[in-house]
Amino acid sequence: AESSIKLERSLFNVVRIDSASFFCRRVDGGRTVQERFIISNGKESSNHSMDVLNEYKVQPGDDINILNAAYCYNSERDILIEAPMYLNYLNAYSLKDSSTGATLFQGDEASTVTSVKKRGRRNRVTMYHQVVSYKDYFAALYEGRSHRQTIQFYDWELSPLASLELDKDINSFDLDLKRGVLYTLNYETDEVWYYDISKF
């Protein structure tokens, strides 16, 4: 029989781990941190990787959205990928084993919450729009300071596999691996494009 699990409406970036466990984020009461934690059978917990990342915060009154990120999870490998929207790195860590974790930086130096704040909202640079999980790898929609969007492919140890530069601005994508087709979507224009990547 199926069972229903009620989660707080304030939670976001919810990722299902198993039938009774979820990775979640929520904004703390002071609106300075987007807390990461696991809720399992109604009980909350976190591991070392989450605790370290939960130390990243904004000052009271600052824009909490600086801490936004996209997520995907491979349950077989127990690896969560975290792709910050405005910070130029990827985090990979286990939800069950706190000794497993890695970070990959884009560019010569890591951006910080302070450096993003200094740019102001209008000049803020979007780094990652989306990450999507596949069996042997994951794909990330990256933009960065060049403002040229690419889909980056990595294995689950954050080793780069390939990169596909796009000719149109998009917000979302997915791969049809059987047909060898890349589908992309632009939310602002409601336009969908598809590309033949059978030889990619």
Protein backbone atom coordinates (compact mmCIF):
# COMPACT_ATOMS: atom_id res chain seq x y z
CA ALA A 1 0.00 0.00 0.00
CA GLU A 2 1.19 3.49 -0.79
CA SER A 3 1.81 5.86 2.11
CA SER A 4 1.75 9.64 2.01
CA ILE A 5 4.39 11.79 3.68
CA LYS A 6 3.63 15.37 4.63
CA LEU A 7 6.46 17.89 4.35
CA GLU A 8 6.51 21.52 5.42
CA ARG A 9 5.30 23.91 2.73
CA SER A 10 8.35 26.09 3.43
CA LEU A 11 10.76 23.43 2.14
CA PHE A 12 12.36 23.65 -1.30
CA ASN A 13 14.97 21.79 -3.39
CA VAL A 14 13.37 18.60 -2.06
CA VAL A 15 15.14 15.47 -3.35
CA ARG A 16 13.77 12.00 -2.63
CA ILE A 17 16.42 9.65 -1.20
CA ASP A 18 14.22 6.63 -0.57
CA SER A 19 10.62 5.88 0.34
CA ALA A 20 10.86 7.58 3.74
CA SER A 21 13.79 10.03 3.40
CA PHE A 22 14.23 13.37 1.69
CA PHE A 23 17.00 15.93 1.28
CA CYS A 24 15.54 19.41 1.82
CA ARG A 25 16.42 23.06 2.15
CA ARG A 26 14.70 25.86 4.01
CA VAL A 27 15.43 29.48 4.90
CA ASP A 28 16.31 30.00 8.55
CA GLY A 29 14.36 32.39 10.75
CA GLY A 30 16.88 35.20 10.29
CA ARG A 31 16.80 34.79 6.49
CA THR A 32 20.59 34.50 6.31
CA VAL A 33 21.03 30.77 5.59
CA GLN A 34 19.44 28.20 3.28
CA GLU A 35 19.76 25.18 5.56
CA ARG A 36 20.41 21.71 4.14
CA PHE A 37 19.13 18.69 6.07
CA ILE A 38 17.63 15.23 5.69
CA ILE A 39 14.21 14.34 7.01
CA SER A 40 13.66 10.62 7.55
CA ASN A 41 10.59 9.16 9.23
CA GLY A 42 9.81 12.60 10.60
CA LYS A 43 13.27 13.17 12.13
CA GLU A 44 15.77 15.76 10.90
CA SER A 45 19.53 15.19 10.58
CA SER A 46 22.55 16.44 8.63
CA ASN A 47 26.05 15.22 7.88
CA HIS A 48 29.44 16.94 7.87
CA SER A 49 29.23 18.03 4.21
CA MET A 50 25.87 19.71 4.79
CA ASP A 51 27.05 21.35 8.01
CA VAL A 52 30.06 22.88 6.22
CA LEU A 53 27.91 24.21 3.36
CA ASN A 54 25.31 25.51 5.83
CA GLU A 55 27.98 27.90 7.14
CA TYR A 56 27.65 29.94 3.94
CA LYS A 57 25.32 32.81 4.75
CA VAL A 58 24.33 36.33 3.82
CA GLN A 59 24.15 39.24 6.23
CA PRO A 60 20.77 40.20 7.74
CA GLY A 61 18.82 42.22 5.19
CA ASP A 62 20.84 40.93 2.21
CA ASP A 63 19.27 39.01 -0.67
CA ILE A 64 18.94 35.37 0.45
CA ASN A 65 18.61 34.32 -3.22
CA ILE A 66 22.38 34.68 -3.61
CA LEU A 67 22.50 31.20 -2.03
CA ASN A 68 20.12 29.57 -4.54
CA ALA A 69 21.25 26.34 -6.19
CA ALA A 70 20.07 23.55 -8.47
CA TYR A 71 20.31 19.88 -7.45
CA CYS A 72 20.29 16.37 -8.83
CA TYR A 73 20.83 13.04 -7.08
CA ASN A 74 22.05 9.60 -8.12
CA SER A 75 20.53 7.16 -5.64
CA GLU A 76 22.60 4.16 -6.80
CA ARG A 77 25.87 6.02 -6.19
CA ASP A 78 24.47 8.13 -3.33
CA ILE A 79 25.90 11.35 -4.75
CA LEU A 80 24.13 14.71 -4.64
CA ILE A 81 25.25 17.42 -7.07
CA GLU A 82 24.78 21.01 -5.94
CA ALA A 83 25.15 23.75 -8.57
CA PRO A 84 24.95 27.28 -7.10
CA MET A 85 23.15 29.78 -9.29
CA TYR A 86 25.56 32.65 -8.64
CA LEU A 87 28.74 30.95 -7.37
CA ASN A 88 31.20 29.40 -9.81
CA TYR A 89 31.62 25.87 -8.51
CA LEU A 90 29.96 22.47 -8.26
CA ASN A 91 29.66 20.48 -5.05
CA ALA A 92 29.30 16.70 -4.97
CA TYR A 93 28.66 14.86 -1.72
CA SER A 94 27.07 11.77 -0.24
CA LEU A 95 23.88 12.00 1.77
CA LYS A 96 24.72 8.86 3.76
CA ASP A 97 28.52 8.95 4.08
CA SER A 98 29.85 12.27 5.39
CA SER A 99 33.42 11.37 4.38
CA THR A 100 32.56 11.61 0.67
CA GLY A 101 32.62 15.06 -0.94
CA ALA A 102 34.33 17.15 -3.62
CA THR A 103 34.21 20.64 -5.15
CA LEU A 104 35.06 21.71 -8.71
CA PHE A 105 35.74 25.38 -9.46
CA GLN A 106 35.14 27.15 -12.77
CA GLY A 107 37.80 29.73 -13.66
CA ASP A 108 40.89 30.87 -11.79
CA GLU A 109 39.32 31.74 -8.45
CA ALA A 110 36.16 30.97 -6.56
CA SER A 111 33.42 33.55 -6.33
CA THR A 112 32.11 34.32 -2.85
CA VAL A 113 28.85 35.52 -1.35
CA THR A 114 30.53 38.88 -0.71
CA SER A 115 31.75 39.24 -4.31
CA VAL A 116 28.28 38.41 -5.67
CA LYS A 117 26.68 40.96 -3.36
CA LYS A 118 29.08 43.69 -4.50
CA ARG A 119 27.99 43.26 -8.11
CA GLY A 120 24.39 44.18 -7.24
CA ARG A 121 21.28 42.42 -8.49
CA ARG A 122 21.34 43.92 -12.00
CA ASN A 123 24.95 42.92 -12.63
CA ARG A 124 24.72 39.50 -11.04
CA VAL A 125 26.16 36.72 -13.23
CA THR A 126 24.24 33.47 -13.46
CA MET A 127 26.59 30.50 -13.25
CA TYR A 128 24.36 27.41 -13.19
CA HIS A 129 20.74 27.18 -14.34
CA GLN A 130 20.07 23.45 -14.02
CA VAL A 131 21.64 20.05 -13.36
CA VAL A 132 20.19 16.76 -14.61
CA SER A 133 21.07 13.25 -13.45
CA TYR A 134 21.75 10.34 -15.79
CA LYS A 135 23.00 6.85 -14.98
CA ASP A 136 26.72 7.26 -15.63
CA TYR A 137 27.04 11.05 -15.60
CA PHE A 138 25.24 14.31 -14.98
CA ALA A 139 24.82 17.40 -17.14
CA ALA A 140 24.89 21.04 -16.02
CA LEU A 141 23.60 24.12 -17.84
CA TYR A 142 26.37 26.69 -17.32
CA GLU A 143 26.54 30.34 -18.38
CA GLY A 144 29.18 32.28 -16.44
CA ARG A 145 30.83 35.57 -17.22
CA SER A 146 31.09 34.89 -20.97
CA HIS A 147 27.25 34.79 -21.16
CA ARG A 148 27.58 31.89 -23.62
CA GLN A 149 25.56 28.96 -22.43
CA THR A 150 27.03 25.47 -22.50
CA ILE A 151 25.85 22.09 -21.30
CA GLN A 152 28.71 20.51 -19.38
CA PHE A 153 28.92 16.75 -18.88
CA TYR A 154 30.70 15.23 -15.85
CA ASP A 155 31.07 11.82 -14.33
CA TRP A 156 29.99 11.42 -10.72
CA GLU A 157 33.52 12.14 -9.46
CA LEU A 158 33.34 15.62 -11.11
CA SER A 159 35.72 14.71 -13.94
CA PRO A 160 34.76 16.64 -17.14
CA LEU A 161 33.56 14.44 -20.00
CA ALA A 162 32.33 16.84 -22.70
CA SER A 163 30.85 20.28 -23.31
CA LEU A 164 28.19 21.37 -25.79
CA GLU A 165 27.93 25.09 -26.63
CA LEU A 166 24.41 26.30 -27.39
CA ASP A 167 23.35 28.78 -30.05
CA LYS A 168 20.23 29.93 -28.17
CA ASP A 169 19.50 31.06 -24.61
CA ILE A 170 17.57 28.46 -22.64
CA ASN A 171 16.41 27.79 -19.08
CA SER A 172 15.98 24.04 -19.14
CA PHE A 173 17.01 20.93 -21.08
CA ASP A 174 16.77 17.15 -21.17
CA LEU A 175 18.26 14.34 -23.24
CA ASP A 176 16.44 11.58 -25.08
CA LEU A 177 19.27 9.07 -25.04
CA LYS A 178 17.47 6.46 -27.16
CA ARG A 179 16.82 8.88 -30.03
CA GLY A 180 19.97 10.95 -29.54
CA VAL A 181 18.05 14.21 -29.17
CA LEU A 182 18.64 17.21 -26.90
CA TYR A 183 15.49 19.14 -26.00
CA THR A 184 15.76 22.72 -24.71
CA LEU A 185 13.23 25.21 -23.39
CA ASN A 186 13.20 28.99 -22.97
CA TYR A 187 10.68 29.99 -20.29
CA GLU A 188 10.48 33.63 -21.38
CA THR A 189 9.53 32.88 -25.00
CA ASP A 190 7.95 29.42 -24.48
CA GLU A 191 10.11 28.20 -27.35
CA VAL A 192 11.29 24.61 -27.53
CA TRP A 193 14.28 23.62 -29.66
CA TYR A 194 15.72 20.20 -30.28
CA TYR A 195 19.14 19.14 -31.52
CA ASP A 196 20.43 15.95 -33.06
CA ILE A 197 23.26 14.82 -30.78
CA SER A 198 23.43 11.22 -31.99
CA LYS A 199 27.03 11.79 -33.12
CA PHE A 200 28.04 13.89 -30.12
